[in-house]
C-alpha atoms as a PDB file:
ATOM      1  CA  MET A   1      87.809 -68.501 -20.989  1.00  0.00           C
ATOM      2  CA  ILE A   2      89.340 -65.881 -18.842  1.00  0.00           C
ATOM      3  CA  ALA A   3      93.098 -67.114 -19.990  1.00  0.00           C
ATOM      4  CA  ARG A   4      91.942 -66.753 -23.936  1.00  0.00           C
ATOM      5  CA  ILE A   5      90.639 -63.493 -23.149  1.00  0.00           C
ATOM      6  CA  ALA A   6      93.751 -62.761 -21.726  1.00  0.00           C
ATOM      7  CA  ASN A   7      95.557 -63.388 -24.709  1.00  0.00           C
ATOM      8  CA  GLU A   8      93.191 -61.942 -26.949  1.00  0.00           C
ATOM      9  CA  ALA A   9      94.282 -58.843 -25.183  1.00  0.00           C
ATOM     10  CA  GLN A  10      97.878 -58.630 -25.228  1.00  0.00           C
ATOM     11  CA  HIS A  11      97.548 -59.289 -29.246  1.00  0.00           C
ATOM     12  CA  LYS A  12      95.539 -56.756 -29.788  1.00  0.00           C
ATOM     13  CA  ARG A  13      97.226 -54.508 -27.278  1.00  0.00           C
ATOM     14  CA  THR A  14     100.711 -55.030 -29.836  1.00  0.00           C
ATOM     15  CA  SER A  15      98.507 -54.098 -33.053  1.00  0.00           C
ATOM     16  CA  LEU A  16      97.098 -50.491 -31.585  1.00  0.00           C
ATOM     17  CA  LEU A  17     100.550 -49.259 -30.304  1.00  0.00           C
ATOM     18  CA  HIS A  18     101.587 -50.576 -34.024  1.00  0.00           C
ATOM     19  CA  THR A  19      98.726 -47.907 -35.143  1.00  0.00           C
ATOM     20  CA  ASP A  20      97.634 -44.601 -36.006  1.00  0.00           C
ATOM     21  CA  ARG A  21      94.578 -44.739 -34.306  1.00  0.00           C
ATOM     22  CA  SER A  22      96.445 -45.023 -30.865  1.00  0.00           C
ATOM     23  CA  HIS A  23      95.517 -41.816 -30.304  1.00  0.00           C
ATOM     24  CA  PRO A  24      94.755 -42.554 -26.436  1.00  0.00           C
ATOM     25  CA  LEU A  25      98.488 -43.518 -25.812  1.00  0.00           C
ATOM     26  CA  LEU A  26      98.649 -40.020 -25.111  1.00  0.00           C
ATOM     27  CA  ARG A  27      96.393 -39.705 -22.212  1.00  0.00           C
ATOM     28  CA  GLU A  28      98.196 -39.270 -19.017  1.00  0.00           C
ATOM     29  CA  TYR A  29      98.178 -42.973 -16.456  1.00  0.00           C
ATOM     30  CA  ARG A  30      94.860 -41.819 -15.064  1.00  0.00           C
ATOM     31  CA  LEU A  31      92.075 -43.288 -14.540  1.00  0.00           C
ATOM     32  CA  ARG A  32      88.396 -42.202 -13.906  1.00  0.00           C
ATOM     33  CA  CYS A  33      86.303 -43.690 -12.617  1.00  0.00           C
ATOM     34  CA  LEU A  34      82.152 -44.091 -11.934  1.00  0.00           C
ATOM     35  CA  SER A  35      79.554 -46.323 -11.320  1.00  0.00           C
ATOM     36  CA  ILE A  36      76.384 -45.563 -11.153  1.00  0.00           C
ATOM     37  CA  ASN A  37      73.350 -48.034 -10.719  1.00  0.00           C
ATOM     38  CA  THR A  38      70.626 -46.521 -12.501  1.00  0.00           C
ATOM     39  CA  HIS A  39      67.712 -48.187 -10.834  1.00  0.00           C
ATOM     40  CA  ARG A  40      65.897 -49.652 -14.390  1.00  0.00           C
ATOM     41  CA  GLY A  41      66.035 -46.532 -15.579  1.00  0.00           C
ATOM     42  CA  GLN A  42      62.440 -45.774 -12.935  1.00  0.00           C
ATOM     43  CA  GLY A  43      64.320 -42.098 -11.378  1.00  0.00           C
ATOM     44  CA  PRO A  44      65.094 -41.863  -7.386  1.00  0.00           C
ATOM     45  CA  LYS A  45      62.275 -42.786  -4.879  1.00  0.00           C
ATOM     46  CA  LEU A  46      59.401 -39.339  -5.808  1.00  0.00           C
ATOM     47  CA  GLY A  47      59.147 -38.839  -1.659  1.00  0.00           C
ATOM     48  CA  LEU A  48      62.325 -38.283  -0.412  1.00  0.00           C
ATOM     49  CA  LEU A  49      63.528 -35.901  -2.736  1.00  0.00           C
ATOM     50  CA  LEU A  50      59.810 -34.115  -2.983  1.00  0.00           C
ATOM     51  CA  ASP A  51      60.292 -33.434   1.655  1.00  0.00           C
ATOM     52  CA  LYS A  52      63.037 -31.538   1.748  1.00  0.00           C
ATOM     53  CA  ALA A  53      62.714 -29.396  -1.667  1.00  0.00           C
ATOM     54  CA  GLU A  54      61.399 -26.100  -2.052  1.00  0.00           C
ATOM     55  CA  GLU A  55      58.093 -25.669  -4.029  1.00  0.00           C
ATOM     56  CA  MET A  56      59.794 -24.852  -7.404  1.00  0.00           C
ATOM     57  CA  GLU A  57      62.171 -27.636  -7.015  1.00  0.00           C
ATOM     58  CA  GLY A  58      59.574 -29.770  -6.183  1.00  0.00           C
ATOM     59  CA  GLN A  59      57.723 -29.058  -9.053  1.00  0.00           C
ATOM     60  CA  ARG A  60      60.590 -29.587 -10.553  1.00  0.00           C
ATOM     61  CA  ILE A  61      61.350 -32.864  -9.583  1.00  0.00           C
ATOM     62  CA  GLU A  62      58.022 -33.922 -10.229  1.00  0.00           C
ATOM     63  CA  LEU A  63      57.594 -33.179 -13.915  1.00  0.00           C
ATOM     64  CA  LEU A  64      61.372 -34.354 -14.734  1.00  0.00           C
ATOM     65  CA  HIS A  65      59.512 -37.537 -13.087  1.00  0.00           C
ATOM     66  CA  GLU A  66      56.306 -38.195 -14.842  1.00  0.00           C
ATOM     67  CA  THR A  67      58.454 -37.806 -17.554  1.00  0.00           C
ATOM     68  CA  ARG A  68      59.261 -41.086 -17.078  1.00  0.00           C
ATOM     69  CA  ALA A  69      62.528 -40.547 -19.308  1.00  0.00           C
ATOM     70  CA  TYR A  70      65.394 -41.435 -16.548  1.00  0.00           C
ATOM     71  CA  ALA A  71      67.511 -43.296 -18.391  1.00  0.00           C
ATOM     72  CA  TYR A  72      67.520 -40.616 -21.535  1.00  0.00           C
ATOM     73  CA  PHE A  73      68.419 -37.842 -18.553  1.00  0.00           C
ATOM     74  CA  ILE A  74      71.149 -40.515 -17.099  1.00  0.00           C
ATOM     75  CA  SER A  75      72.517 -40.463 -20.629  1.00  0.00           C
ATOM     76  CA  ASP A  76      72.601 -36.460 -21.321  1.00  0.00           C
ATOM     77  CA  TRP A  77      74.302 -36.302 -18.437  1.00  0.00           C
ATOM     78  CA  LEU A  78      76.669 -39.023 -19.001  1.00  0.00           C
ATOM     79  CA  ASN A  79      77.502 -37.318 -21.896  1.00  0.00           C
ATOM     80  CA  LYS A  80      77.911 -33.521 -20.988  1.00  0.00           C
ATOM     81  CA  HIS A  81      80.205 -35.377 -18.230  1.00  0.00           C
ATOM     82  CA  SER A  82      81.948 -37.992 -20.630  1.00  0.00           C
ATOM     83  CA  ARG A  83      85.399 -35.717 -20.544  1.00  0.00           C
ATOM     84  CA  ARG A  84      85.032 -36.215 -16.803  1.00  0.00           C
ATOM     85  CA  TYR A  85      85.512 -40.199 -16.776  1.00  0.00           C
ATOM     86  CA  ASP A  86      87.402 -42.816 -18.613  1.00  0.00           C
ATOM     87  CA  ILE A  87      84.663 -45.414 -17.323  1.00  0.00           C
ATOM     88  CA  VAL A  88      81.442 -45.948 -16.588  1.00  0.00           C
ATOM     89  CA  ALA A  89      79.886 -49.127 -14.317  1.00  0.00           C
ATOM     90  CA  LEU A  90      76.427 -48.879 -14.678  1.00  0.00           C
ATOM     91  CA  GLN A  91      73.961 -51.557 -13.076  1.00  0.00           C
ATOM     92  CA  GLU A  92      70.452 -52.392 -13.394  1.00  0.00           C
ATOM     93  CA  VAL A  93      69.762 -51.194 -16.878  1.00  0.00           C
ATOM     94  CA  PHE A  94      66.221 -52.326 -17.914  1.00  0.00           C
ATOM     95  CA  ASN A  95      66.260 -54.678 -20.722  1.00  0.00           C
ATOM     96  CA  GLY A  96      61.921 -55.355 -21.295  1.00  0.00           C
ATOM     97  CA  ILE A  97      59.910 -58.698 -20.498  1.00  0.00           C
ATOM     98  CA  LEU A  98      59.521 -61.492 -21.624  1.00  0.00           C
ATOM     99  CA  GLY A  99      61.714 -60.422 -24.352  1.00  0.00           C
ATOM    100  CA  ILE A 100      59.515 -57.171 -25.008  1.00  0.00           C
ATOM    101  CA  GLY A 101      60.500 -53.721 -24.843  1.00  0.00           C
ATOM    102  CA  GLU A 102      60.336 -51.257 -21.740  1.00  0.00           C
ATOM    103  CA  LYS A 103      57.557 -49.740 -23.797  1.00  0.00           C
ATOM    104  CA  ILE A 104      55.362 -52.126 -26.549  1.00  0.00           C
ATOM    105  CA  HIS A 105      56.181 -48.915 -29.671  1.00  0.00           C
ATOM    106  CA  ALA A 106      59.222 -48.265 -28.187  1.00  0.00           C
ATOM    107  CA  LYS A 107      62.274 -48.606 -30.445  1.00  0.00           C
ATOM    108  CA  TYR A 108      64.815 -48.731 -28.831  1.00  0.00           C
ATOM    109  CA  ARG A 109      65.706 -50.282 -25.714  1.00  0.00           C
ATOM    110  CA  GLN A 110      67.500 -48.311 -22.398  1.00  0.00           C
ATOM    111  CA  ARG A 111      70.901 -49.811 -23.617  1.00  0.00           C
ATOM    112  CA  ASP A 112      70.938 -47.928 -26.927  1.00  0.00           C
ATOM    113  CA  HIS A 113      70.459 -44.634 -24.726  1.00  0.00           C
ATOM    114  CA  TYR A 114      73.502 -45.521 -23.056  1.00  0.00           C
ATOM    115  CA  ARG A 115      75.180 -46.367 -26.461  1.00  0.00           C
ATOM    116  CA  VAL A 116      74.282 -43.867 -28.494  1.00  0.00           C
ATOM    117  CA  LEU A 117      73.816 -40.725 -26.411  1.00  0.00           C
ATOM    118  CA  SER A 118      76.375 -40.976 -23.231  1.00  0.00           C
ATOM    119  CA  GLY A 119      79.137 -39.821 -25.590  1.00  0.00           C
ATOM    120  CA  PHE A 120      81.778 -42.993 -24.754  1.00  0.00           C
ATOM    121  CA  ASP A 121      83.525 -44.759 -27.446  1.00  0.00           C
ATOM    122  CA  ALA A 122      82.584 -48.254 -26.120  1.00  0.00           C
ATOM    123  CA  LEU A 123      79.951 -49.970 -24.529  1.00  0.00           C
ATOM    124  CA  ILE A 124      80.324 -53.581 -23.117  1.00  0.00           C
ATOM    125  CA  GLU A 125      76.692 -55.133 -21.446  1.00  0.00           C
ATOM    126  CA  HIS A 126      76.265 -58.569 -20.018  1.00  0.00           C
ATOM    127  CA  GLY A 127      72.405 -59.637 -19.925  1.00  0.00           C
ATOM    128  CA  VAL A 128      70.798 -60.782 -16.004  1.00  0.00           C
ATOM    129  CA  GLY A 129      67.581 -61.168 -14.318  1.00  0.00           C
ATOM    130  CA  PHE A 130      65.480 -63.977 -15.781  1.00  0.00           C
ATOM    131  CA  ALA A 131      63.156 -64.337 -18.657  1.00  0.00           C
ATOM    132  CA  GLY A 132      59.957 -63.212 -16.791  1.00  0.00           C
ATOM    133  CA  PHE A 133      62.102 -59.723 -15.818  1.00  0.00           C
ATOM    134  CA  ARG A 134      65.466 -58.501 -18.200  1.00  0.00           C
ATOM    135  CA  TYR A 135      68.221 -56.045 -17.106  1.00  0.00           C
ATOM    136  CA  GLN A 136      71.811 -55.507 -17.755  1.00  0.00           C
ATOM    137  CA  ASN A 137      75.122 -54.355 -16.569  1.00  0.00           C
ATOM    138  CA  LEU A 138      76.832 -52.300 -18.743  1.00  0.00           C
ATOM    139  CA  MET A 139      80.443 -50.288 -19.041  1.00  0.00           C
ATOM    140  CA  LEU A 140      80.959 -47.404 -20.905  1.00  0.00           C
ATOM    141  CA  SER A 141      84.406 -46.134 -22.247  1.00  0.00           C
ATOM    142  CA  GLN A 142      86.779 -43.696 -23.253  1.00  0.00           C
ATOM    143  CA  LEU A 143      89.416 -46.317 -23.655  1.00  0.00           C
ATOM    144  CA  PRO A 144      90.496 -48.675 -25.920  1.00  0.00           C
ATOM    145  CA  LYS A 145      89.070 -52.055 -25.474  1.00  0.00           C
ATOM    146  CA  LEU A 146      91.256 -54.929 -25.979  1.00  0.00           C
ATOM    147  CA  SER A 147      87.881 -57.968 -26.151  1.00  0.00           C
ATOM    148  CA  ASP A 148      85.053 -57.717 -27.713  1.00  0.00           C
ATOM    149  CA  GLN A 149      82.771 -58.211 -24.413  1.00  0.00           C
ATOM    150  CA  GLY A 150      85.093 -59.422 -21.945  1.00  0.00           C
ATOM    151  CA  TYR A 151      84.225 -61.987 -19.438  1.00  0.00           C
ATOM    152  CA  SER A 152      80.715 -62.226 -18.002  1.00  0.00           C
ATOM    153  CA  GLU A 153      79.794 -65.182 -15.331  1.00  0.00           C
ATOM    154  CA  LEU A 154      76.381 -65.206 -13.856  1.00  0.00           C
ATOM    155  CA  MET A 155      77.005 -66.232 -10.188  1.00  0.00           C
ATOM    156  CA  PRO A 156      74.972 -68.777  -7.684  1.00  0.00           C
ATOM    157  CA  GLY A 157      72.224 -67.269  -5.406  1.00  0.00           C
ATOM    158  CA  LYS A 158      69.244 -66.264  -7.654  1.00  0.00           C
ATOM    159  CA  VAL A 159      67.244 -63.133  -6.104  1.00  0.00           C
ATOM    160  CA  PHE A 160      63.444 -64.329  -5.125  1.00  0.00           C
ATOM    161  CA  PHE A 161      64.425 -68.117  -6.846  1.00  0.00           C
ATOM    162  CA  LEU A 162      64.403 -66.599  -9.852  1.00  0.00           C
ATOM    163  CA  ALA A 163      66.621 -63.667 -10.994  1.00  0.00           C
ATOM    164  CA  SER A 164      70.124 -63.774 -11.642  1.00  0.00           C
ATOM    165  CA  CYS A 165      73.358 -61.703 -10.479  1.00  0.00           C
ATOM    166  CA  GLY A 166      76.579 -61.331 -12.401  1.00  0.00           C
ATOM    167  CA  PHE A 167      79.773 -59.646 -12.684  1.00  0.00           C
ATOM    168  CA  THR A 168      82.081 -59.007 -15.940  1.00  0.00           C
ATOM    169  CA  ILE A 169      85.553 -58.785 -16.156  1.00  0.00           C
ATOM    170  CA  ALA A 170      87.241 -56.880 -19.659  1.00  0.00           C
ATOM    171  CA  PRO A 171      90.848 -55.740 -20.705  1.00  0.00           C
ATOM    172  CA  PHE A 172      91.358 -51.807 -21.682  1.00  0.00           C
ATOM    173  CA  LEU A 173      94.394 -50.155 -22.805  1.00  0.00           C
ATOM    174  CA  LEU A 174      95.799 -47.199 -20.702  1.00  0.00           C
ATOM    175  CA  LYS A 175      98.255 -45.881 -22.446  1.00  0.00           C
ATOM    176  CA  ASP A 176     100.319 -48.604 -23.462  1.00  0.00           C
ATOM    177  CA  SER A 177      99.178 -50.722 -20.127  1.00  0.00           C
ATOM    178  CA  ILE A 178      96.408 -53.238 -20.440  1.00  0.00           C
ATOM    179  CA  VAL A 179      94.401 -53.169 -16.953  1.00  0.00           C
ATOM    180  CA  TRP A 180      91.400 -54.648 -15.999  1.00  0.00           C
ATOM    181  CA  ILE A 181      87.927 -53.357 -14.796  1.00  0.00           C
ATOM    182  CA  GLY A 182      85.291 -55.245 -13.609  1.00  0.00           C
ATOM    183  CA  ASN A 183      81.544 -54.773 -12.984  1.00  0.00           C
ATOM    184  CA  THR A 184      78.741 -56.322 -10.951  1.00  0.00           C
ATOM    185  CA  HIS A 185      75.559 -56.088  -8.907  1.00  0.00           C
ATOM    186  CA  LEU A 186      75.360 -58.153  -5.830  1.00  0.00           C
ATOM    187  CA  HIS A 187      72.252 -59.953  -4.432  1.00  0.00           C
ATOM    188  CA  ALA A 188      70.438 -57.964  -2.199  1.00  0.00           C
ATOM    189  CA  TYR A 189      68.744 -59.659   0.139  1.00  0.00           C
ATOM    190  CA  SER A 190      70.914 -62.454   1.124  1.00  0.00           C
ATOM    191  CA  PRO A 191      74.381 -61.917   2.889  1.00  0.00           C
ATOM    192  CA  ALA A 192      75.179 -65.905   2.389  1.00  0.00           C
ATOM    193  CA  ALA A 193      74.084 -65.485  -1.701  1.00  0.00           C
ATOM    194  CA  ARG A 194      76.100 -61.806  -1.832  1.00  0.00           C
ATOM    195  CA  MET A 195      79.219 -63.811  -0.281  1.00  0.00           C
ATOM    196  CA  ARG A 196      78.838 -67.178  -2.766  1.00  0.00           C
ATOM    197  CA  GLN A 197      78.814 -64.276  -5.417  1.00  0.00           C
ATOM    198  CA  ALA A 198      81.747 -62.403  -4.415  1.00  0.00           C
ATOM    199  CA  ARG A 199      83.701 -65.647  -4.037  1.00  0.00           C
ATOM    200  CA  SER A 200      83.166 -66.071  -7.708  1.00  0.00           C
ATOM    201  CA  ILE A 201      84.614 -62.502  -8.584  1.00  0.00           C
ATOM    202  CA  ALA A 202      87.184 -63.284  -6.520  1.00  0.00           C
ATOM    203  CA  GLU A 203      88.699 -66.661  -8.363  1.00  0.00           C
ATOM    204  CA  VAL A 204      88.341 -64.928 -11.753  1.00  0.00           C
ATOM    205  CA  LEU A 205      90.555 -62.411  -9.851  1.00  0.00           C
ATOM    206  CA  ARG A 206      93.228 -65.345  -9.216  1.00  0.00           C
ATOM    207  CA  LEU A 207      93.085 -66.903 -12.079  1.00  0.00           C
ATOM    208  CA  LEU A 208      94.279 -63.084 -14.011  1.00  0.00           C
ATOM    209  CA  GLY A 209      97.276 -63.395 -11.369  1.00  0.00           C
ATOM    210  CA  ASP A 210      99.030 -59.634 -10.536  1.00  0.00           C
ATOM    211  CA  VAL A 211      97.477 -57.348 -12.677  1.00  0.00           C
ATOM    212  CA  PRO A 212      96.124 -54.039 -12.449  1.00  0.00           C
ATOM    213  CA  ILE A 213      92.104 -54.106 -11.877  1.00  0.00           C
ATOM    214  CA  VAL A 214      89.658 -52.382 -10.772  1.00  0.00           C
ATOM    215  CA  PHE A 215      86.801 -53.564  -9.551  1.00  0.00           C
ATOM    216  CA  MET A 216      83.023 -51.515  -9.416  1.00  0.00           C
ATOM    217  CA  GLY A 217      79.400 -52.183  -8.705  1.00  0.00           C
ATOM    218  CA  ASP A 218      76.477 -51.999  -6.253  1.00  0.00           C
ATOM    219  CA  LEU A 219      77.458 -54.348  -4.126  1.00  0.00           C
ATOM    220  CA  ASN A 220      74.476 -54.674  -1.645  1.00  0.00           C
ATOM    221  CA  THR A 221      76.904 -54.515   1.737  1.00  0.00           C
ATOM    222  CA  VAL A 222      77.634 -52.254   4.711  1.00  0.00           C
ATOM    223  CA  PRO A 223      81.543 -51.434   5.453  1.00  0.00           C
ATOM    224  CA  GLY A 224      82.799 -53.281   8.286  1.00  0.00           C
ATOM    225  CA  GLY A 225      82.250 -51.621  11.519  1.00  0.00           C
ATOM    226  CA  CYS A 226      79.170 -49.640  10.336  1.00  0.00           C
ATOM    227  CA  ARG A 227      75.332 -49.732  11.201  1.00  0.00           C
ATOM    228  CA  ILE A 228      73.870 -52.970   9.950  1.00  0.00           C
ATOM    229  CA  GLY A 229      69.878 -51.569  10.691  1.00  0.00           C
ATOM    230  CA  ASN A 230      67.904 -48.963  12.340  1.00  0.00           C
ATOM    231  CA  TYR A 231      68.214 -47.070   8.753  1.00  0.00           C
ATOM    232  CA  GLY A 232      64.810 -44.732   8.388  1.00  0.00           C
ATOM    233  CA  GLU A 233      64.566 -44.607   4.973  1.00  0.00           C
ATOM    234  CA  GLY A 234      65.189 -47.477   2.781  1.00  0.00           C
ATOM    235  CA  ASP A 235      65.604 -49.759   5.795  1.00  0.00           C
ATOM    236  CA  ILE A 236      64.415 -52.565   3.381  1.00  0.00           C
ATOM    237  CA  ASP A 237      67.731 -54.526   4.581  1.00  0.00           C
ATOM    238  CA  ARG A 238      67.452 -54.162   7.840  1.00  0.00           C
ATOM    239  CA  TYR A 239      68.455 -57.937   8.158  1.00  0.00           C
ATOM    240  CA  ASN A 240      70.242 -58.264   5.462  1.00  0.00           C
ATOM    241  CA  TYR A 241      74.205 -57.356   6.658  1.00  0.00           C
ATOM    242  CA  ARG A 242      74.968 -59.780   9.387  1.00  0.00           C
ATOM    243  CA  ASN A 243      77.971 -61.902   9.239  1.00  0.00           C
ATOM    244  CA  ASP A 244      78.347 -60.376   5.994  1.00  0.00           C
ATOM    245  CA  SER A 245      82.217 -60.767   4.831  1.00  0.00           C
ATOM    246  CA  THR A 246      81.540 -59.712   1.069  1.00  0.00           C
ATOM    247  CA  LEU A 247      83.812 -56.759   0.697  1.00  0.00           C
ATOM    248  CA  ARG A 248      86.715 -59.212   2.782  1.00  0.00           C
ATOM    249  CA  ILE A 249      86.488 -61.592  -0.115  1.00  0.00           C
ATOM    250  CA  LEU A 250      87.395 -59.317  -2.158  1.00  0.00           C
ATOM    251  CA  GLU A 251      89.835 -57.638   0.279  1.00  0.00           C
ATOM    252  CA  ASP A 252      91.548 -61.030   0.721  1.00  0.00           C
ATOM    253  CA  ALA A 253      91.505 -61.663  -3.852  1.00  0.00           C
ATOM    254  CA  GLY A 254      93.341 -58.491  -4.009  1.00  0.00           C
ATOM    255  CA  LEU A 255      91.606 -55.657  -4.380  1.00  0.00           C
ATOM    256  CA  ARG A 256      90.797 -52.822  -1.819  1.00  0.00           C
ATOM    257  CA  THR A 257      89.256 -48.912  -1.032  1.00  0.00           C
ATOM    258  CA  VAL A 258      89.032 -46.096   0.774  1.00  0.00           C
ATOM    259  CA  ARG A 259      88.142 -46.494   4.366  1.00  0.00           C
ATOM    260  CA  HIS A 260      84.582 -46.148   4.836  1.00  0.00           C
ATOM    261  CA  ASP A 261      82.987 -43.833   7.998  1.00  0.00           C
ATOM    262  CA  ASP A 262      79.642 -44.173   8.697  1.00  0.00           C
ATOM    263  CA  SER A 263      79.174 -40.619   7.512  1.00  0.00           C
ATOM    264  CA  LEU A 264      77.290 -38.479   4.690  1.00  0.00           C
ATOM    265  CA  GLN A 265      80.157 -38.193   2.944  1.00  0.00           C
ATOM    266  CA  PHE A 266      80.280 -42.055   2.020  1.00  0.00           C
ATOM    267  CA  TRP A 267      76.807 -42.694   1.954  1.00  0.00           C
ATOM    268  CA  THR A 268      74.869 -43.640  -1.419  1.00  0.00           C
ATOM    269  CA  TYR A 269      71.519 -44.774  -0.838  1.00  0.00           C
ATOM    270  CA  PRO A 270      68.856 -43.947  -0.973  1.00  0.00           C
ATOM    271  CA  THR A 271      68.810 -40.627  -2.931  1.00  0.00           C
ATOM    272  CA  GLY A 272      67.117 -37.481  -0.761  1.00  0.00           C
ATOM    273  CA  ALA A 273      68.226 -39.142   2.618  1.00  0.00           C
ATOM    274  CA  PRO A 274      70.733 -41.296   2.238  1.00  0.00           C
ATOM    275  CA  ASN A 275      72.168 -43.106   5.004  1.00  0.00           C
ATOM    276  CA  ARG A 276      74.123 -46.046   4.120  1.00  0.00           C
ATOM    277  CA  THR A 277      77.381 -47.343   1.643  1.00  0.00           C
ATOM    278  CA  LEU A 278      76.077 -49.274  -0.808  1.00  0.00           C
ATOM    279  CA  ASP A 279      78.468 -48.525  -3.836  1.00  0.00           C
ATOM    280  CA  TYR A 280      82.009 -48.982  -3.819  1.00  0.00           C
ATOM    281  CA  ILE A 281      84.927 -48.631  -6.592  1.00  0.00           C
ATOM    282  CA  MET A 282      87.453 -51.370  -5.159  1.00  0.00           C
ATOM    283  CA  PHE A 283      91.427 -51.941  -6.771  1.00  0.00           C
ATOM    284  CA  SER A 284      94.304 -53.213  -6.658  1.00  0.00           C
ATOM    285  CA  ARG A 285      97.824 -52.266  -5.231  1.00  0.00           C
ATOM    286  CA  HIS A 286      98.848 -51.123  -8.927  1.00  0.00           C
ATOM    287  CA  TRP A 287      96.971 -47.939  -8.049  1.00  0.00           C
ATOM    288  CA  HIS A 288      97.457 -44.814  -6.532  1.00  0.00           C
ATOM    289  CA  LEU A 289      94.086 -43.057  -5.368  1.00  0.00           C
ATOM    290  CA  HIS A 290      94.508 -39.184  -5.819  1.00  0.00           C
ATOM    291  CA  ASP A 291      90.021 -38.974  -5.045  1.00  0.00           C
ATOM    292  CA  TYR A 292      87.403 -40.924  -3.972  1.00  0.00           C
ATOM    293  CA  GLY A 293      83.856 -39.956  -3.821  1.00  0.00           C
ATOM    294  CA  VAL A 294      80.159 -39.188  -3.975  1.00  0.00           C
ATOM    295  CA  LEU A 295      78.681 -37.503  -6.243  1.00  0.00           C
ATOM    296  CA  HIS A 296      75.140 -35.969  -3.906  1.00  0.00           C
ATOM    297  CA  ASP A 297      73.837 -34.049  -6.892  1.00  0.00           C
ATOM    298  CA  PHE A 298      73.213 -36.695  -8.892  1.00  0.00           C
ATOM    299  CA  THR A 299      69.246 -37.545  -8.097  1.00  0.00           C
ATOM    300  CA  LEU A 300      68.182 -39.162 -11.143  1.00  0.00           C
ATOM    301  CA  SER A 301      68.163 -42.691  -9.650  1.00  0.00           C
ATOM    302  CA  ASP A 302      67.867 -44.206  -5.780  1.00  0.00           C
ATOM    303  CA  HIS A 303      71.664 -44.416  -5.591  1.00  0.00           C
ATOM    304  CA  TYR A 304      74.138 -41.906  -5.851  1.00  0.00           C
ATOM    305  CA  PRO A 305      77.261 -41.952  -8.046  1.00  0.00           C
ATOM    306  CA  VAL A 306      80.509 -42.948  -6.475  1.00  0.00           C
ATOM    307  CA  TYR A 307      83.734 -42.122  -8.211  1.00  0.00           C
ATOM    308  CA  ALA A 308      87.475 -42.929  -8.309  1.00  0.00           C
ATOM    309  CA  ASP A 309      90.293 -40.718  -8.917  1.00  0.00           C
ATOM    310  CA  LEU A 310      93.359 -43.608  -9.816  1.00  0.00           C
ATOM    311  CA  GLU A 311      97.145 -43.429 -11.179  1.00  0.00           C
ATOM    312  CA  LEU A 312      98.691 -46.647 -12.216  1.00  0.00           C
ATOM    313  CA  LYS A 313     101.829 -47.034 -10.593  1.00  0.00           C
ATOM    314  CA  THR A 314     102.882 -50.437 -12.169  1.00  0.00           C
ATOM    315  CA  ARG A 315     102.953 -49.616 -16.044  1.00  0.00           C
ATOM    316  CA  ASN A 316     103.448 -50.978 -19.735  1.00  0.00           C
ATOM    317  CA  ASN A 317     102.267 -55.038 -18.291  1.00  0.00           C
END
């Protein structure tokens, strides 16, 4: 399957390079990435934001929260910043209960907000969860996609023995080079399940070979050497980071990220009282990193987004 998609990507690349539709080929070899866990459009943990807010700001936060329109707010935010990012990975996009949408009377689902309102040209989606509670991982792109939906896989280790986790990896055209972009949301509670899921991802990465890869998502684990408990706010996962080699498994498959200190600069969770890093952008040896960070002024989810500005070193593949 992955080999077929790789061949398809080569053919589409050749076609795009010989058509007038390839105006994005004029861009630099820069890739500006963003990853957001959208918390199913439920917004942040309200109390954490209100604790530190002035009176008027608190009223604004409560009024926004009362609308329960966070999928729209995030889509609108993405639209306003759509020229800052080339690719956006979204996790935990709600997709209905027992086949019914977020609201029985609603015409559109959350993915439609991101598809129509975000200002991005292409969308790749992957359904995860289970029949009783469905959600999706999405990728939005300004780059030409070289496969309709890329390669997606449900991974071992279901949450509460019901909900499947998954990942997607797909080829895109950056100037004249094929780059592979991935997105995932790993198991929140079990290090053993997370490591099995990381091995599933690593197996596919190795099949791709020595190609430019960027992999984003909520990996639900903390960096090596960082605290694994006694967080205070959001402490539900305090027993779930011990003996976890998830990041090392992905590193052994050729991915890396910046060195993460156990400090506010890198903490992505929980919004309003951050105390740990759960969200990452990882990349292969083919990239030079210009910038990496967390957007702590984004308060539309219970996770803060993480971004990276990368430049492709190995080109024209």
